[in-house]
Amino acid sequence: MPWEYKVYPLPRDLALPKKKGQTPEQAVSQAIERLLNEMMAEGWEYYRTETVNVSELPGCLGSLLGQKEITKSFNFIVFRRPRSSP
């Protein structure tokens, strides 16, 4: 069965309206819960969460100053649904 996918970065694109006394973990979990429910209402199912590491080389001044490669991690949530027949 062919699938189509939709990928969202976490937590950058999630609105985190933090309520008084709410921990960051609670704010993130509520934002993810909202996203999951919205996507399910549109026919998408949660598929997986991925972490991608990206290495960046320093710019021309960074290399002159002896800076080394920097690795950043990005987290994504992946949804899928069956592709509609043409």
Protein backbone atom coordinates (compact mmCIF):
# COMPACT_ATOMS: atom_id res chain seq x y z
CA MET A 1 0.00 0.00 0.00
CA PRO A 2 1.51 3.35 -0.97
CA TRP A 3 1.68 5.94 1.81
CA GLU A 4 2.02 9.69 1.94
CA TYR A 5 3.84 11.32 4.84
CA LYS A 6 3.79 14.62 6.69
CA VAL A 7 6.71 15.63 8.94
CA TYR A 8 6.71 18.32 11.65
CA PRO A 9 9.73 19.60 13.56
CA LEU A 10 9.48 19.42 17.35
CA PRO A 11 9.09 21.55 19.37
CA ARG A 12 9.94 24.60 17.24
CA ASP A 13 6.68 24.76 15.28
CA LEU A 14 4.50 23.97 18.26
CA ALA A 15 2.82 26.82 20.06
CA LEU A 16 3.58 26.47 23.74
CA PRO A 17 1.03 28.54 25.62
CA LYS A 18 2.37 27.95 29.10
CA LYS A 19 -0.15 28.22 31.91
CA LYS A 20 0.82 29.48 35.34
CA GLY A 21 2.45 26.70 37.34
CA GLN A 22 2.86 24.48 34.26
CA THR A 23 6.20 22.81 33.65
CA PRO A 24 7.87 22.94 30.20
CA GLU A 25 7.28 19.18 29.89
CA GLN A 26 3.54 19.66 30.45
CA ALA A 27 3.40 22.48 27.89
CA VAL A 28 5.23 20.37 25.27
CA SER A 29 3.12 17.27 25.95
CA GLN A 30 -0.11 19.27 25.59
CA ALA A 31 1.13 20.82 22.34
CA ILE A 32 2.02 17.37 20.96
CA GLU A 33 -1.35 16.01 22.08
CA ARG A 34 -3.11 18.86 20.25
CA LEU A 35 -1.07 18.16 17.10
CA LEU A 36 -1.82 14.42 17.26
CA ASN A 37 -5.56 15.04 17.63
CA GLU A 38 -5.61 17.62 14.81
CA MET A 39 -3.74 15.30 12.45
CA MET A 40 -5.95 12.32 13.32
CA ALA A 41 -9.04 14.42 12.55
CA GLU A 42 -7.56 14.99 9.06
CA GLY A 43 -7.03 11.27 8.51
CA TRP A 44 -3.32 11.09 9.42
CA GLU A 45 -1.94 8.50 11.84
CA TYR A 46 1.11 8.91 14.03
CA TYR A 47 3.94 6.89 12.50
CA ARG A 48 7.12 7.66 14.43
CA THR A 49 9.40 10.26 15.96
CA GLU A 50 12.84 10.78 14.44
CA THR A 51 16.01 12.54 15.53
CA VAL A 52 18.32 13.78 12.79
CA ASN A 53 21.86 14.98 13.52
CA VAL A 54 23.29 17.64 11.22
CA SER A 55 26.96 18.60 11.24
CA GLU A 56 27.93 22.13 10.28
CA LEU A 57 31.40 23.29 9.41
CA PRO A 58 32.43 26.67 10.80
CA GLY A 59 32.43 29.65 8.44
CA CYS A 60 35.66 31.15 7.11
CA LEU A 61 36.37 33.04 10.35
CA GLY A 62 35.52 30.02 12.47
CA SER A 63 38.06 27.85 10.70
CA LEU A 64 40.71 30.54 11.13
CA LEU A 65 39.96 30.63 14.86
CA GLY A 66 40.25 26.84 15.12
CA GLN A 67 36.57 26.13 15.70
CA LYS A 68 35.53 22.56 15.05
CA GLU A 69 32.51 21.06 13.39
CA ILE A 70 29.24 21.62 15.28
CA THR A 71 26.57 18.94 15.44
CA LYS A 72 22.95 19.91 16.03
CA SER A 73 20.06 17.53 16.69
CA PHE A 74 16.58 18.06 15.32
CA ASN A 75 13.49 16.11 16.39
CA PHE A 76 10.60 15.38 14.05
CA ILE A 77 7.20 13.75 14.39
CA VAL A 78 6.06 11.76 11.34
CA PHE A 79 2.48 11.07 10.28
CA ARG A 80 1.25 8.90 7.43
CA ARG A 81 -1.95 7.97 5.65
CA PRO A 82 -2.78 5.76 2.70
CA ARG A 83 -2.30 7.57 -0.59
CA SER A 84 -5.59 8.16 -2.38
CA SER A 85 -6.01 6.42 -5.70
CA PRO A 86 -5.87 8.74 -8.74
